[in-house]
PDB file of N, CA and C in Angstrom:
ATOM      1  N   MET A   1      -7.484-136.684  35.765  1.00  0.00           N
ATOM      2  CA  MET A   1      -6.968-136.582  37.037  1.00  0.00           C
ATOM      3  C   MET A   1      -7.207-138.168  37.736  1.00  0.00           C
ATOM      4  N   ILE A   2      -6.377-138.242  38.774  1.00  0.00           N
ATOM      5  CA  ILE A   2      -6.319-139.304  39.866  1.00  0.00           C
ATOM      6  C   ILE A   2      -7.111-139.115  41.762  1.00  0.00           C
ATOM      7  N   THR A   3      -7.711-139.366  42.546  1.00  0.00           N
ATOM      8  CA  THR A   3      -8.163-138.543  44.017  1.00  0.00           C
ATOM      9  C   THR A   3      -7.065-139.329  44.265  1.00  0.00           C
ATOM     10  N   PHE A   4      -5.979-139.521  45.143  1.00  0.00           N
ATOM     11  CA  PHE A   4      -5.724-139.806  46.157  1.00  0.00           C
ATOM     12  C   PHE A   4      -6.489-138.640  48.012  1.00  0.00           C
ATOM     13  N   ALA A   5      -5.887-140.672  48.819  1.00  0.00           N
ATOM     14  CA  ALA A   5      -6.467-139.430  50.184  1.00  0.00           C
ATOM     15  C   ALA A   5      -5.307-138.910  50.453  1.00  0.00           C
ATOM     16  N   ASP A   6      -5.144-138.073  51.216  1.00  0.00           N
ATOM     17  CA  ASP A   6      -4.490-136.890  52.100  1.00  0.00           C
ATOM     18  C   ASP A   6      -4.231-137.572  53.384  1.00  0.00           C
ATOM     19  N   PRO A   7      -2.627-138.301  53.015  1.00  0.00           N
ATOM     20  CA  PRO A   7      -2.097-139.189  53.962  1.00  0.00           C
ATOM     21  C   PRO A   7      -1.604-137.892  55.411  1.00  0.00           C
ATOM     22  N   SER A   8      -1.992-136.573  55.521  1.00  0.00           N
ATOM     23  CA  SER A   8      -0.937-135.335  56.052  1.00  0.00           C
ATOM     24  C   SER A   8      -2.435-135.260  57.019  1.00  0.00           C
ATOM     25  N   ARG A   9      -3.529-135.851  57.144  1.00  0.00           N
ATOM     26  CA  ARG A   9      -5.370-135.626  57.240  1.00  0.00           C
ATOM     27  C   ARG A   9      -5.420-136.699  57.972  1.00  0.00           C
ATOM     28  N   ILE A  10      -4.450-136.656  59.534  1.00  0.00           N
ATOM     29  CA  ILE A  10      -5.418-138.497  60.284  1.00  0.00           C
ATOM     30  C   ILE A  10      -6.861-138.527  60.540  1.00  0.00           C
ATOM     31  N   GLY A  11      -7.177-139.173  60.442  1.00  0.00           N
ATOM     32  CA  GLY A  11      -8.715-139.576  60.735  1.00  0.00           C
ATOM     33  C   GLY A  11      -9.549-138.668  59.880  1.00  0.00           C
ATOM     34  N   TYR A  12      -9.428-138.774  58.959  1.00  0.00           N
ATOM     35  CA  TYR A  12      -9.748-137.951  58.222  1.00  0.00           C
ATOM     36  C   TYR A  12      -9.762-138.311  56.831  1.00  0.00           C
ATOM     37  N   SER A  13     -10.392-137.776  55.413  1.00  0.00           N
ATOM     38  CA  SER A  13     -10.688-138.600  54.072  1.00  0.00           C
ATOM     39  C   SER A  13     -10.791-137.353  53.288  1.00  0.00           C
ATOM     40  N   LEU A  14     -10.020-136.980  52.813  1.00  0.00           N
ATOM     41  CA  LEU A  14     -10.648-135.816  52.324  1.00  0.00           C
ATOM     42  C   LEU A  14      -9.148-136.697  51.196  1.00  0.00           C
ATOM     43  N   PRO A  15     -10.210-136.415  49.642  1.00  0.00           N
ATOM     44  CA  PRO A  15      -9.565-136.192  48.776  1.00  0.00           C
ATOM     45  C   PRO A  15      -8.119-135.001  48.247  1.00  0.00           C
ATOM     46  N   MET A  16      -7.584-135.104  47.783  1.00  0.00           N
ATOM     47  CA  MET A  16      -6.643-134.165  46.931  1.00  0.00           C
ATOM     48  C   MET A  16      -6.897-134.976  45.747  1.00  0.00           C
ATOM     49  N   LYS A  17      -6.082-133.845  44.047  1.00  0.00           N
ATOM     50  CA  LYS A  17      -6.375-133.993  43.338  1.00  0.00           C
ATOM     51  C   LYS A  17      -5.233-134.757  43.092  1.00  0.00           C
ATOM     52  N   SER A  18      -4.486-135.631  42.361  1.00  0.00           N
ATOM     53  CA  SER A  18      -2.630-135.769  41.547  1.00  0.00           C
ATOM     54  C   SER A  18      -3.792-136.093  39.885  1.00  0.00           C
ATOM     55  N   THR A  19      -2.263-135.287  40.031  1.00  0.00           N
ATOM     56  CA  THR A  19      -2.127-135.417  38.173  1.00  0.00           C
ATOM     57  C   THR A  19      -1.086-135.975  37.479  1.00  0.00           C
ATOM     58  N   ILE A  20      -1.884-137.543  36.903  1.00  0.00           N
ATOM     59  CA  ILE A  20       0.367-137.843  35.853  1.00  0.00           C
ATOM     60  C   ILE A  20      -0.207-138.099  34.213  1.00  0.00           C
ATOM     61  N   GLU A  21       0.878-138.460  34.340  1.00  0.00           N
ATOM     62  CA  GLU A  21       0.976-138.603  32.746  1.00  0.00           C
ATOM     63  C   GLU A  21       1.440-140.552  32.024  1.00  0.00           C
ATOM     64  N   LEU A  22      -0.089-140.439  31.227  1.00  0.00           N
ATOM     65  CA  LEU A  22       0.763-142.247  31.207  1.00  0.00           C
ATOM     66  C   LEU A  22       0.615-141.964  29.561  1.00  0.00           C
ATOM     67  N   PRO A  23       1.213-143.185  28.997  1.00  0.00           N
ATOM     68  CA  PRO A  23       1.194-143.909  27.708  1.00  0.00           C
ATOM     69  C   PRO A  23      -0.221-143.512  26.592  1.00  0.00           C
ATOM     70  N   ASP A  24       0.109-143.384  26.023  1.00  0.00           N
ATOM     71  CA  ASP A  24      -1.298-143.345  25.130  1.00  0.00           C
ATOM     72  C   ASP A  24      -2.076-144.554  24.789  1.00  0.00           C
ATOM     73  N   ASP A  25      -0.910-145.945  24.764  1.00  0.00           N
ATOM     74  CA  ASP A  25      -1.517-147.606  24.401  1.00  0.00           C
ATOM     75  C   ASP A  25      -2.511-147.553  26.866  1.00  0.00           C
ATOM     76  N   LEU A  26      -1.834-146.835  26.659  1.00  0.00           N
ATOM     77  CA  LEU A  26      -2.117-147.109  28.680  1.00  0.00           C
ATOM     78  C   LEU A  26      -3.710-145.757  29.007  1.00  0.00           C
ATOM     79  N   LYS A  27      -3.105-145.664  28.174  1.00  0.00           N
ATOM     80  CA  LYS A  27      -4.075-144.782  28.595  1.00  0.00           C
ATOM     81  C   LYS A  27      -5.605-144.602  28.159  1.00  0.00           C
ATOM     82  N   ARG A  28      -5.673-145.215  26.346  1.00  0.00           N
ATOM     83  CA  ARG A  28      -6.720-146.585  26.769  1.00  0.00           C
ATOM     84  C   ARG A  28      -6.692-147.602  26.760  1.00  0.00           C
ATOM     85  N   ARG A  29      -6.261-147.971  27.214  1.00  0.00           N
ATOM     86  CA  ARG A  29      -6.056-149.412  27.889  1.00  0.00           C
ATOM     87  C   ARG A  29      -7.231-148.708  28.961  1.00  0.00           C
ATOM     88  N   ILE A  30      -6.906-148.681  29.909  1.00  0.00           N
ATOM     89  CA  ILE A  30      -7.576-147.699  30.767  1.00  0.00           C
ATOM     90  C   ILE A  30      -8.833-147.042  30.653  1.00  0.00           C
ATOM     91  N   ASP A  31      -9.367-146.767  29.594  1.00  0.00           N
ATOM     92  CA  ASP A  31     -10.333-146.169  29.291  1.00  0.00           C
ATOM     93  C   ASP A  31     -11.342-146.830  28.718  1.00  0.00           C
ATOM     94  N   LEU A  32     -11.486-147.912  27.953  1.00  0.00           N
ATOM     95  CA  LEU A  32     -11.781-148.957  27.277  1.00  0.00           C
ATOM     96  C   LEU A  32     -12.037-150.014  29.011  1.00  0.00           C
ATOM     97  N   LEU A  33     -11.321-150.107  29.747  1.00  0.00           N
ATOM     98  CA  LEU A  33     -11.870-150.654  30.783  1.00  0.00           C
ATOM     99  C   LEU A  33     -12.121-150.461  31.829  1.00  0.00           C
ATOM    100  N   ALA A  34     -12.508-149.238  31.138  1.00  0.00           N
ATOM    101  CA  ALA A  34     -13.191-147.983  32.540  1.00  0.00           C
ATOM    102  C   ALA A  34     -15.258-147.661  32.101  1.00  0.00           C
ATOM    103  N   GLU A  35     -14.546-147.630  30.327  1.00  0.00           N
ATOM    104  CA  GLU A  35     -15.924-148.324  29.784  1.00  0.00           C
ATOM    105  C   GLU A  35     -16.902-149.717  29.990  1.00  0.00           C
ATOM    106  N   ARG A  36     -16.258-150.711  29.903  1.00  0.00           N
ATOM    107  CA  ARG A  36     -16.766-152.148  29.842  1.00  0.00           C
ATOM    108  C   ARG A  36     -17.185-152.210  30.931  1.00  0.00           C
ATOM    109  N   SER A  37     -16.968-151.774  32.001  1.00  0.00           N
ATOM    110  CA  SER A  37     -16.501-152.286  33.707  1.00  0.00           C
ATOM    111  C   SER A  37     -17.888-150.761  34.089  1.00  0.00           C
ATOM    112  N   ASN A  38     -17.639-150.157  33.829  1.00  0.00           N
ATOM    113  CA  ASN A  38     -18.515-149.228  34.329  1.00  0.00           C
ATOM    114  C   ASN A  38     -18.130-148.591  35.528  1.00  0.00           C
ATOM    115  N   LEU A  39     -16.886-147.918  34.994  1.00  0.00           N
ATOM    116  CA  LEU A  39     -16.316-147.402  36.217  1.00  0.00           C
ATOM    117  C   LEU A  39     -15.428-146.204  35.898  1.00  0.00           C
ATOM    118  N   SER A  40     -14.913-145.470  37.035  1.00  0.00           N
ATOM    119  CA  SER A  40     -13.419-144.115  35.685  1.00  0.00           C
ATOM    120  C   SER A  40     -13.100-144.449  36.116  1.00  0.00           C
ATOM    121  N   PRO A  41     -12.250-144.004  34.915  1.00  0.00           N
ATOM    122  CA  PRO A  41     -10.840-144.079  35.241  1.00  0.00           C
ATOM    123  C   PRO A  41      -9.573-143.657  35.935  1.00  0.00           C
ATOM    124  N   SER A  42      -9.897-143.730  37.249  1.00  0.00           N
ATOM    125  CA  SER A  42      -9.331-143.152  38.525  1.00  0.00           C
ATOM    126  C   SER A  42      -9.524-143.882  39.011  1.00  0.00           C
ATOM    127  N   ARG A  43     -11.200-144.942  39.581  1.00  0.00           N
ATOM    128  CA  ARG A  43     -11.221-145.957  40.266  1.00  0.00           C
ATOM    129  C   ARG A  43      -9.823-147.329  39.759  1.00  0.00           C
ATOM    130  N   ILE A  44      -9.801-146.978  38.166  1.00  0.00           N
ATOM    131  CA  ILE A  44      -9.042-148.652  37.708  1.00  0.00           C
ATOM    132  C   ILE A  44      -8.179-148.322  38.045  1.00  0.00           C
ATOM    133  N   ILE A  45      -7.309-146.535  38.351  1.00  0.00           N
ATOM    134  CA  ILE A  45      -6.233-146.913  38.807  1.00  0.00           C
ATOM    135  C   ILE A  45      -6.288-146.924  41.058  1.00  0.00           C
ATOM    136  N   GLU A  46      -6.875-147.338  41.041  1.00  0.00           N
ATOM    137  CA  GLU A  46      -6.941-146.394  42.790  1.00  0.00           C
ATOM    138  C   GLU A  46      -6.985-148.225  43.021  1.00  0.00           C
ATOM    139  N   ASP A  47      -7.448-149.319  42.500  1.00  0.00           N
ATOM    140  CA  ASP A  47      -7.476-150.576  42.457  1.00  0.00           C
ATOM    141  C   ASP A  47      -6.683-150.937  42.341  1.00  0.00           C
ATOM    142  N   ALA A  48      -5.740-150.635  41.012  1.00  0.00           N
ATOM    143  CA  ALA A  48      -4.685-151.206  40.934  1.00  0.00           C
ATOM    144  C   ALA A  48      -3.638-150.634  42.215  1.00  0.00           C
ATOM    145  N   LEU A  49      -3.778-149.529  42.580  1.00  0.00           N
ATOM    146  CA  LEU A  49      -2.736-149.069  43.745  1.00  0.00           C
ATOM    147  C   LEU A  49      -3.269-149.008  44.980  1.00  0.00           C
ATOM    148  N   SER A  50      -4.476-149.283  45.542  1.00  0.00           N
ATOM    149  CA  SER A  50      -4.551-149.985  46.338  1.00  0.00           C
ATOM    150  C   SER A  50      -4.619-151.287  46.612  1.00  0.00           C
ATOM    151  N   HIS A  51      -5.255-152.272  45.789  1.00  0.00           N
ATOM    152  CA  HIS A  51      -5.206-153.519  46.159  1.00  0.00           C
ATOM    153  C   HIS A  51      -4.686-154.938  45.669  1.00  0.00           C
ATOM    154  N   GLY A  52      -3.071-153.902  44.497  1.00  0.00           N
ATOM    155  CA  GLY A  52      -3.042-154.097  43.075  1.00  0.00           C
ATOM    156  C   GLY A  52      -3.727-155.289  42.717  1.00  0.00           C
ATOM    157  N   ARG A  53      -4.833-154.583  42.464  1.00  0.00           N
ATOM    158  CA  ARG A  53      -4.946-155.783  41.083  1.00  0.00           C
ATOM    159  C   ARG A  53      -4.288-154.453  39.377  1.00  0.00           C
ATOM    160  N   SER A  54      -3.811-155.369  39.618  1.00  0.00           N
ATOM    161  CA  SER A  54      -3.247-155.169  37.497  1.00  0.00           C
ATOM    162  C   SER A  54      -3.946-154.448  37.107  1.00  0.00           C
ATOM    163  N   LEU A  55      -3.614-153.810  35.885  1.00  0.00           N
ATOM    164  CA  LEU A  55      -4.852-153.951  34.283  1.00  0.00           C
ATOM    165  C   LEU A  55      -5.112-154.780  34.076  1.00  0.00           C
ATOM    166  N   ALA A  56      -3.633-155.911  33.904  1.00  0.00           N
ATOM    167  CA  ALA A  56      -4.512-156.869  33.223  1.00  0.00           C
ATOM    168  C   ALA A  56      -5.287-157.772  33.593  1.00  0.00           C
ATOM    169  N   TRP A  57      -4.905-157.701  34.958  1.00  0.00           N
ATOM    170  CA  TRP A  57      -5.795-158.130  35.856  1.00  0.00           C
ATOM    171  C   TRP A  57      -7.674-158.072  35.705  1.00  0.00           C
ATOM    172  N   GLN A  58      -7.512-156.604  36.132  1.00  0.00           N
ATOM    173  CA  GLN A  58      -8.335-156.266  36.318  1.00  0.00           C
ATOM    174  C   GLN A  58      -9.244-156.766  34.460  1.00  0.00           C
ATOM    175  N   GLU A  59      -8.787-156.221  33.517  1.00  0.00           N
ATOM    176  CA  GLU A  59      -9.223-157.047  32.304  1.00  0.00           C
ATOM    177  C   GLU A  59      -9.486-158.185  31.875  1.00  0.00           C
ATOM    178  N   LYS A  60      -8.901-158.740  32.169  1.00  0.00           N
ATOM    179  CA  LYS A  60      -8.942-160.560  32.110  1.00  0.00           C
ATOM    180  C   LYS A  60      -9.989-160.464  33.092  1.00  0.00           C
ATOM    181  N   TRP A  61     -10.292-160.146  34.409  1.00  0.00           N
ATOM    182  CA  TRP A  61     -11.319-160.381  35.614  1.00  0.00           C
ATOM    183  C   TRP A  61     -12.766-159.668  34.378  1.00  0.00           C
ATOM    184  N   THR A  62     -12.622-158.517  33.555  1.00  0.00           N
ATOM    185  CA  THR A  62     -13.785-157.531  33.355  1.00  0.00           C
ATOM    186  C   THR A  62     -14.583-158.743  31.796  1.00  0.00           C
ATOM    187  N   SER A  63     -13.031-159.454  31.245  1.00  0.00           N
ATOM    188  CA  SER A  63     -13.492-160.528  29.756  1.00  0.00           C
ATOM    189  C   SER A  63     -14.441-161.431  30.554  1.00  0.00           C
ATOM    190  N   GLY A  64     -13.865-162.668  31.300  1.00  0.00           N
ATOM    191  CA  GLY A  64     -14.895-163.733  32.110  1.00  0.00           C
ATOM    192  C   GLY A  64     -15.911-163.028  32.917  1.00  0.00           C
ATOM    193  N   VAL A  65     -16.047-162.121  33.448  1.00  0.00           N
ATOM    194  CA  VAL A  65     -17.249-161.693  33.951  1.00  0.00           C
ATOM    195  C   VAL A  65     -18.656-161.427  32.888  1.00  0.00           C
ATOM    196  N   ARG A  66     -18.073-160.366  31.708  1.00  0.00           N
ATOM    197  CA  ARG A  66     -18.716-160.169  30.572  1.00  0.00           C
ATOM    198  C   ARG A  66     -18.848-160.894  29.138  1.00  0.00           C
ATOM    199  N   ALA A  67     -17.999-162.431  29.351  1.00  0.00           N
ATOM    200  CA  ALA A  67     -17.716-163.115  29.269  1.00  0.00           C
ATOM    201  C   ALA A  67     -19.329-164.525  29.476  1.00  0.00           C
ATOM    202  N   GLY A  68     -19.363-164.589  31.318  1.00  0.00           N
ATOM    203  CA  GLY A  68     -20.081-165.335  31.988  1.00  0.00           C
ATOM    204  C   GLY A  68     -21.654-164.838  31.916  1.00  0.00           C
ATOM    205  N   LEU A  69     -21.642-163.143  31.458  1.00  0.00           N
ATOM    206  CA  LEU A  69     -23.568-162.718  31.681  1.00  0.00           C
ATOM    207  C   LEU A  69     -23.514-163.190  29.958  1.00  0.00           C
ATOM    208  N   ALA A  70     -23.165-162.389  29.429  1.00  0.00           N
ATOM    209  CA  ALA A  70     -23.098-163.030  27.553  1.00  0.00           C
ATOM    210  C   ALA A  70     -23.897-164.505  28.133  1.00  0.00           C
ATOM    211  N   GLU A  71     -23.315-165.469  28.431  1.00  0.00           N
ATOM    212  CA  GLU A  71     -23.556-167.270  28.643  1.00  0.00           C
ATOM    213  C   GLU A  71     -25.070-167.410  29.180  1.00  0.00           C
ATOM    214  N   ALA A  72     -25.340-166.236  30.036  1.00  0.00           N
ATOM    215  CA  ALA A  72     -27.026-166.629  30.967  1.00  0.00           C
ATOM    216  C   ALA A  72     -28.079-165.789  30.078  1.00  0.00           C
ATOM    217  N   GLU A  73     -27.519-165.073  29.966  1.00  0.00           N
ATOM    218  CA  GLU A  73     -27.889-164.930  28.520  1.00  0.00           C
ATOM    219  C   GLU A  73     -28.938-165.290  27.493  1.00  0.00           C
ATOM    220  N   ALA A  74     -27.922-166.078  26.913  1.00  0.00           N
ATOM    221  CA  ALA A  74     -27.690-166.664  25.972  1.00  0.00           C
ATOM    222  C   ALA A  74     -28.774-167.896  26.391  1.00  0.00           C
ATOM    223  N   GLY A  75     -28.412-168.463  27.867  1.00  0.00           N
ATOM    224  CA  GLY A  75     -29.558-169.430  28.744  1.00  0.00           C
ATOM    225  C   GLY A  75     -28.696-170.612  28.715  1.00  0.00           C
ATOM    226  N   GLU A  76     -27.405-170.316  28.837  1.00  0.00           N
ATOM    227  CA  GLU A  76     -26.516-171.533  28.424  1.00  0.00           C
ATOM    228  C   GLU A  76     -26.028-171.741  30.354  1.00  0.00           C
ATOM    229  N   PHE A  77     -26.629-172.059  30.847  1.00  0.00           N
ATOM    230  CA  PHE A  77     -26.473-172.593  32.487  1.00  0.00           C
ATOM    231  C   PHE A  77     -26.161-173.896  32.596  1.00  0.00           C
ATOM    232  N   VAL A  78     -25.691-174.520  33.854  1.00  0.00           N
ATOM    233  CA  VAL A  78     -25.061-176.161  34.008  1.00  0.00           C
ATOM    234  C   VAL A  78     -25.968-176.331  34.767  1.00  0.00           C
ATOM    235  N   SER A  79     -26.325-177.715  34.978  1.00  0.00           N
ATOM    236  CA  SER A  79     -27.640-178.767  35.666  1.00  0.00           C
ATOM    237  C   SER A  79     -26.805-178.673  37.050  1.00  0.00           C
ATOM    238  N   GLU A  80     -28.155-179.036  37.442  1.00  0.00           N
ATOM    239  CA  GLU A  80     -27.833-178.760  39.133  1.00  0.00           C
ATOM    240  C   GLU A  80     -27.043-180.483  38.796  1.00  0.00           C
ATOM    241  N   GLU A  81     -26.959-181.575  38.431  1.00  0.00           N
ATOM    242  CA  GLU A  81     -26.781-182.247  39.041  1.00  0.00           C
ATOM    243  C   GLU A  81     -24.803-182.328  37.803  1.00  0.00           C
ATOM    244  N   GLU A  82     -24.344-181.141  37.199  1.00  0.00           N
ATOM    245  CA  GLU A  82     -22.565-181.049  37.383  1.00  0.00           C
ATOM    246  C   GLU A  82     -22.239-180.076  38.451  1.00  0.00           C
ATOM    247  N   ILE A  83     -22.924-179.247  38.806  1.00  0.00           N
ATOM    248  CA  ILE A  83     -22.775-178.413  40.401  1.00  0.00           C
ATOM    249  C   ILE A  83     -23.145-179.774  41.242  1.00  0.00           C
ATOM    250  N   ASP A  84     -23.051-180.650  41.404  1.00  0.00           N
ATOM    251  CA  ASP A  84     -23.364-181.126  42.656  1.00  0.00           C
ATOM    252  C   ASP A  84     -21.594-182.257  42.099  1.00  0.00           C
ATOM    253  N   ALA A  85     -21.468-182.269  40.684  1.00  0.00           N
ATOM    254  CA  ALA A  85     -20.089-183.383  40.994  1.00  0.00           C
ATOM    255  C   ALA A  85     -19.481-182.478  41.095  1.00  0.00           C
ATOM    256  N   VAL A  86     -18.816-181.163  40.465  1.00  0.00           N
ATOM    257  CA  VAL A  86     -18.401-179.520  41.797  1.00  0.00           C
ATOM    258  C   VAL A  86     -18.183-180.314  42.753  1.00  0.00           C
ATOM    259  N   LEU A  87     -19.222-179.787  43.190  1.00  0.00           N
ATOM    260  CA  LEU A  87     -19.058-179.676  45.096  1.00  0.00           C
ATOM    261  C   LEU A  87     -18.805-180.918  45.394  1.00  0.00           C
ATOM    262  N   ASN A  88     -19.074-182.108  44.668  1.00  0.00           N
ATOM    263  CA  ASN A  88     -18.858-183.240  45.878  1.00  0.00           C
ATOM    264  C   ASN A  88     -17.230-183.532  45.827  1.00  0.00           C
ATOM    265  N   LYS A  89     -16.597-183.079  44.472  1.00  0.00           N
ATOM    266  CA  LYS A  89     -14.981-183.077  43.714  1.00  0.00           C
ATOM    267  C   LYS A  89     -14.151-182.921  45.161  1.00  0.00           C
ATOM    268  N   TYR A  90     -14.373-181.450  45.400  1.00  0.00           N
ATOM    269  CA  TYR A  90     -14.875-180.819  46.825  1.00  0.00           C
ATOM    270  C   TYR A  90     -14.434-180.729  48.205  1.00  0.00           C
ATOM    271  N   ALA A  91     -16.111-181.862  48.075  1.00  0.00           N
ATOM    272  CA  ALA A  91     -15.914-181.832  49.143  1.00  0.00           C
ATOM    273  C   ALA A  91     -14.723-182.451  50.518  1.00  0.00           C
ATOM    274  N   LYS A  92     -14.618-181.838  51.974  1.00  0.00           N
ATOM    275  CA  LYS A  92     -13.970-182.629  53.027  1.00  0.00           C
ATOM    276  C   LYS A  92     -14.737-183.573  53.306  1.00  0.00           C
ATOM    277  N   ALA A  93     -13.646-184.955  53.096  1.00  0.00           N
ATOM    278  CA  ALA A  93     -14.179-185.901  53.106  1.00  0.00           C
ATOM    279  C   ALA A  93     -14.812-186.517  54.883  1.00  0.00           C
TER     280      ALA A  93
END
């Protein structure tokens, strides 16, 4: 079940329920992404529709965040010198 705003109620944001049928493989991807990102499947679909965040984009972003968190938990941080080098590289003259 996916919740959308009812456009007929101008000034109000009362939810309306809509049901869509999805192929099994797409449903599995949405469910897995929802589990990994701690979001509901409805929110995953809402982000795709409202903000143009495709399922592939959301999967890639979530994977990157998880990888970054794993590195941080392992104590893998960049040095202050490395940060300065990147900032100086892109600093406006």
